């Protein structure tokens, strides 16, 4: 899990994941699909995401909800 959901922390975590290039390609494809899906969600979707039991330490001023969606996508992909 990344140390936070701010853009810089999340991107570093994603870049440093110890996975093969094939796994990274699949993960990045899935994240791109997730980003497309997230962009189509209504504004109130952010409120729903913030009530999902996210650790308080991750809900700081740099919180990026789309990174939470990407993190969940990565977690699902890596456990399948």
N, C-alpha and C. Protein backbone atom coordinates (compact mmCIF):
# COMPACT_ATOMS: atom_id res chain seq x y z
N UNK A 1 0.84 -1.17 0.00
CA UNK A 1 0.00 0.00 0.00
C UNK A 1 0.89 1.24 0.00
N UNK A 2 0.54 2.23 -0.80
CA UNK A 2 1.36 3.45 -0.83
C UNK A 2 1.24 4.22 0.48
N UNK A 3 2.20 5.10 0.77
CA UNK A 3 2.15 5.87 2.02
C UNK A 3 1.03 6.91 2.03
N UNK A 4 0.51 7.23 0.87
CA UNK A 4 -0.57 8.20 0.77
C UNK A 4 -1.17 8.16 -0.63
N UNK A 5 -2.23 8.93 -0.81
CA UNK A 5 -2.90 8.96 -2.11
C UNK A 5 -2.64 10.25 -2.88
N UNK A 6 -1.69 11.03 -2.41
CA UNK A 6 -1.28 12.21 -3.17
C UNK A 6 -0.64 11.73 -4.46
N UNK A 7 -0.69 12.53 -5.47
CA UNK A 7 -0.22 12.12 -6.80
C UNK A 7 1.21 11.62 -6.78
N UNK A 8 2.12 12.37 -6.19
CA UNK A 8 3.54 12.00 -6.21
C UNK A 8 3.79 10.69 -5.46
N UNK A 9 3.23 10.54 -4.26
CA UNK A 9 3.43 9.32 -3.47
C UNK A 9 2.83 8.11 -4.18
N UNK A 10 1.64 8.28 -4.74
CA UNK A 10 1.00 7.17 -5.42
C UNK A 10 1.78 6.77 -6.66
N UNK A 11 2.19 7.73 -7.46
CA UNK A 11 2.93 7.42 -8.70
C UNK A 11 4.25 6.72 -8.41
N UNK A 12 4.95 7.13 -7.33
CA UNK A 12 6.20 6.47 -6.96
C UNK A 12 5.92 5.03 -6.55
N UNK A 13 4.89 4.83 -5.74
CA UNK A 13 4.53 3.47 -5.32
C UNK A 13 4.21 2.60 -6.53
N UNK A 14 3.42 3.14 -7.45
CA UNK A 14 3.03 2.39 -8.65
C UNK A 14 4.25 2.03 -9.49
N UNK A 15 5.14 2.99 -9.66
CA UNK A 15 6.36 2.78 -10.46
C UNK A 15 7.29 1.74 -9.81
N UNK A 16 7.31 1.69 -8.47
CA UNK A 16 8.23 0.81 -7.75
C UNK A 16 7.66 -0.57 -7.44
N UNK A 17 6.44 -0.86 -7.87
CA UNK A 17 5.85 -2.18 -7.60
C UNK A 17 6.74 -3.27 -8.19
N UNK A 18 7.03 -4.30 -7.40
CA UNK A 18 7.89 -5.39 -7.89
C UNK A 18 7.09 -6.40 -8.72
N UNK A 19 6.77 -6.01 -9.95
CA UNK A 19 6.00 -6.89 -10.83
C UNK A 19 6.70 -6.96 -12.19
N UNK A 20 6.38 -8.01 -12.94
CA UNK A 20 6.99 -8.18 -14.25
C UNK A 20 6.42 -7.14 -15.23
N UNK A 21 7.09 -7.00 -16.36
CA UNK A 21 6.61 -6.05 -17.37
C UNK A 21 5.24 -6.46 -17.91
N UNK A 22 5.02 -7.76 -18.06
CA UNK A 22 3.71 -8.23 -18.53
C UNK A 22 2.62 -7.87 -17.51
N UNK A 23 2.91 -8.09 -16.23
CA UNK A 23 1.94 -7.73 -15.19
C UNK A 23 1.71 -6.22 -15.17
N UNK A 24 2.78 -5.45 -15.34
CA UNK A 24 2.66 -3.98 -15.33
C UNK A 24 1.80 -3.52 -16.51
N UNK A 25 1.97 -4.14 -17.66
CA UNK A 25 1.17 -3.78 -18.83
C UNK A 25 -0.30 -4.03 -18.58
N UNK A 26 -0.62 -5.19 -18.02
CA UNK A 26 -2.02 -5.51 -17.72
C UNK A 26 -2.56 -4.53 -16.67
N UNK A 27 -1.77 -4.28 -15.63
CA UNK A 27 -2.20 -3.36 -14.58
C UNK A 27 -2.45 -1.96 -15.14
N UNK A 28 -1.56 -1.46 -15.96
CA UNK A 28 -1.73 -0.11 -16.52
C UNK A 28 -2.94 -0.05 -17.45
N UNK A 29 -3.21 -1.13 -18.18
CA UNK A 29 -4.40 -1.19 -19.02
C UNK A 29 -5.65 -1.13 -18.16
N UNK A 30 -5.65 -1.89 -17.06
CA UNK A 30 -6.79 -1.88 -16.15
C UNK A 30 -6.97 -0.52 -15.49
N UNK A 31 -5.87 0.12 -15.12
CA UNK A 31 -5.95 1.45 -14.51
C UNK A 31 -6.51 2.46 -15.52
N UNK A 32 -6.09 2.37 -16.77
CA UNK A 32 -6.61 3.28 -17.80
C UNK A 32 -8.12 3.10 -17.95
N UNK A 33 -8.59 1.86 -17.93
CA UNK A 33 -10.03 1.61 -18.01
C UNK A 33 -10.74 2.17 -16.79
N UNK A 34 -10.11 2.02 -15.62
CA UNK A 34 -10.68 2.54 -14.38
C UNK A 34 -10.77 4.06 -14.43
N UNK A 35 -9.73 4.71 -14.93
CA UNK A 35 -9.75 6.18 -15.04
C UNK A 35 -10.88 6.64 -15.95
N UNK A 36 -11.08 5.95 -17.06
CA UNK A 36 -12.17 6.28 -17.97
C UNK A 36 -13.51 6.14 -17.27
N UNK A 37 -13.67 5.05 -16.52
CA UNK A 37 -14.90 4.83 -15.77
C UNK A 37 -15.10 5.93 -14.72
N UNK A 38 -14.05 6.27 -13.97
CA UNK A 38 -14.16 7.27 -12.90
C UNK A 38 -14.56 8.63 -13.46
N UNK A 39 -14.04 8.99 -14.61
CA UNK A 39 -14.37 10.28 -15.23
C UNK A 39 -15.85 10.40 -15.56
N UNK A 40 -16.53 9.27 -15.75
CA UNK A 40 -17.96 9.29 -16.10
C UNK A 40 -18.87 9.27 -14.87
N UNK A 41 -18.28 9.17 -13.68
CA UNK A 41 -19.10 9.10 -12.47
C UNK A 41 -19.58 10.49 -12.07
N UNK A 42 -20.76 10.55 -11.41
CA UNK A 42 -21.27 11.86 -10.97
C UNK A 42 -20.43 12.41 -9.82
N UNK A 43 -20.55 13.69 -9.57
CA UNK A 43 -19.76 14.36 -8.53
C UNK A 43 -19.96 13.72 -7.16
N UNK A 44 -21.17 13.23 -6.88
CA UNK A 44 -21.40 12.64 -5.56
C UNK A 44 -20.65 11.33 -5.35
N UNK A 45 -20.06 10.77 -6.39
CA UNK A 45 -19.29 9.54 -6.24
C UNK A 45 -18.10 9.76 -5.31
N UNK A 46 -17.54 10.96 -5.31
CA UNK A 46 -16.41 11.27 -4.43
C UNK A 46 -16.80 11.11 -2.97
N UNK A 47 -18.00 11.55 -2.61
CA UNK A 47 -18.47 11.41 -1.23
C UNK A 47 -18.59 9.94 -0.85
N UNK A 48 -19.06 9.13 -1.76
CA UNK A 48 -19.18 7.70 -1.50
C UNK A 48 -17.81 7.08 -1.27
N UNK A 49 -16.84 7.45 -2.09
CA UNK A 49 -15.48 6.92 -1.96
C UNK A 49 -14.90 7.32 -0.61
N UNK A 50 -15.15 8.54 -0.16
CA UNK A 50 -14.58 9.02 1.09
C UNK A 50 -15.21 8.36 2.31
N UNK A 51 -16.33 7.68 2.15
CA UNK A 51 -16.98 7.02 3.28
C UNK A 51 -16.73 5.51 3.29
N UNK A 52 -15.77 5.04 2.52
CA UNK A 52 -15.54 3.60 2.38
C UNK A 52 -14.58 3.04 3.42
N UNK A 53 -14.30 3.76 4.48
CA UNK A 53 -13.39 3.24 5.50
C UNK A 53 -11.94 3.46 5.16
N UNK A 54 -11.62 4.53 4.49
CA UNK A 54 -10.24 4.85 4.13
C UNK A 54 -9.51 5.28 5.41
N UNK A 55 -8.29 4.81 5.63
CA UNK A 55 -7.54 5.26 6.81
C UNK A 55 -7.44 6.78 6.86
N UNK A 56 -7.65 7.33 8.06
CA UNK A 56 -7.67 8.78 8.23
C UNK A 56 -6.38 9.42 7.71
N UNK A 57 -5.25 8.76 7.89
CA UNK A 57 -3.98 9.31 7.44
C UNK A 57 -3.92 9.55 5.94
N UNK A 58 -4.77 8.85 5.18
CA UNK A 58 -4.78 9.02 3.73
C UNK A 58 -5.71 10.16 3.29
N UNK A 59 -6.55 10.62 4.17
CA UNK A 59 -7.50 11.68 3.81
C UNK A 59 -6.93 13.04 4.17
N UNK A 60 -5.77 13.35 3.66
CA UNK A 60 -5.17 14.66 3.93
C UNK A 60 -5.48 15.61 2.77
N UNK A 61 -4.91 16.79 2.81
CA UNK A 61 -5.22 17.79 1.79
C UNK A 61 -4.79 17.37 0.38
N UNK A 62 -3.88 16.41 0.29
CA UNK A 62 -3.43 15.95 -1.02
C UNK A 62 -4.16 14.71 -1.50
N UNK A 63 -5.24 14.35 -0.81
CA UNK A 63 -6.01 13.16 -1.15
C UNK A 63 -6.53 13.26 -2.58
N UNK A 64 -6.31 12.22 -3.34
CA UNK A 64 -6.78 12.16 -4.72
C UNK A 64 -7.63 10.91 -4.86
N UNK A 65 -8.95 11.08 -4.94
CA UNK A 65 -9.87 9.94 -4.97
C UNK A 65 -9.59 9.02 -6.15
N UNK A 66 -9.17 9.57 -7.28
CA UNK A 66 -8.89 8.70 -8.42
C UNK A 66 -7.73 7.75 -8.11
N UNK A 67 -6.79 8.19 -7.27
CA UNK A 67 -5.70 7.29 -6.88
C UNK A 67 -6.21 6.16 -6.00
N UNK A 68 -7.24 6.41 -5.20
CA UNK A 68 -7.83 5.32 -4.42
C UNK A 68 -8.43 4.28 -5.35
N UNK A 69 -9.13 4.73 -6.37
CA UNK A 69 -9.73 3.81 -7.34
C UNK A 69 -8.62 3.02 -8.04
N UNK A 70 -7.53 3.68 -8.39
CA UNK A 70 -6.40 2.99 -9.03
C UNK A 70 -5.77 1.98 -8.07
N UNK A 71 -5.64 2.37 -6.78
CA UNK A 71 -5.08 1.46 -5.78
C UNK A 71 -5.93 0.21 -5.65
N UNK A 72 -7.24 0.39 -5.61
CA UNK A 72 -8.14 -0.76 -5.52
C UNK A 72 -8.03 -1.63 -6.77
N UNK A 73 -7.88 -1.01 -7.93
CA UNK A 73 -7.69 -1.76 -9.17
C UNK A 73 -6.41 -2.58 -9.09
N UNK A 74 -5.34 -1.97 -8.62
CA UNK A 74 -4.06 -2.69 -8.48
C UNK A 74 -4.20 -3.85 -7.50
N UNK A 75 -4.87 -3.61 -6.38
CA UNK A 75 -5.04 -4.67 -5.37
C UNK A 75 -5.82 -5.85 -5.95
N UNK A 76 -6.88 -5.55 -6.66
CA UNK A 76 -7.67 -6.62 -7.26
C UNK A 76 -6.84 -7.38 -8.29
N UNK A 77 -6.12 -6.66 -9.13
CA UNK A 77 -5.31 -7.30 -10.17
C UNK A 77 -4.23 -8.17 -9.57
N UNK A 78 -3.61 -7.71 -8.49
CA UNK A 78 -2.50 -8.44 -7.91
C UNK A 78 -2.95 -9.63 -7.08
N UNK A 79 -4.22 -9.71 -6.73
CA UNK A 79 -4.71 -10.86 -5.97
C UNK A 79 -5.39 -11.89 -6.85
N UNK A 80 -5.53 -11.61 -8.14
CA UNK A 80 -6.14 -12.57 -9.07
C UNK A 80 -5.09 -13.43 -9.72
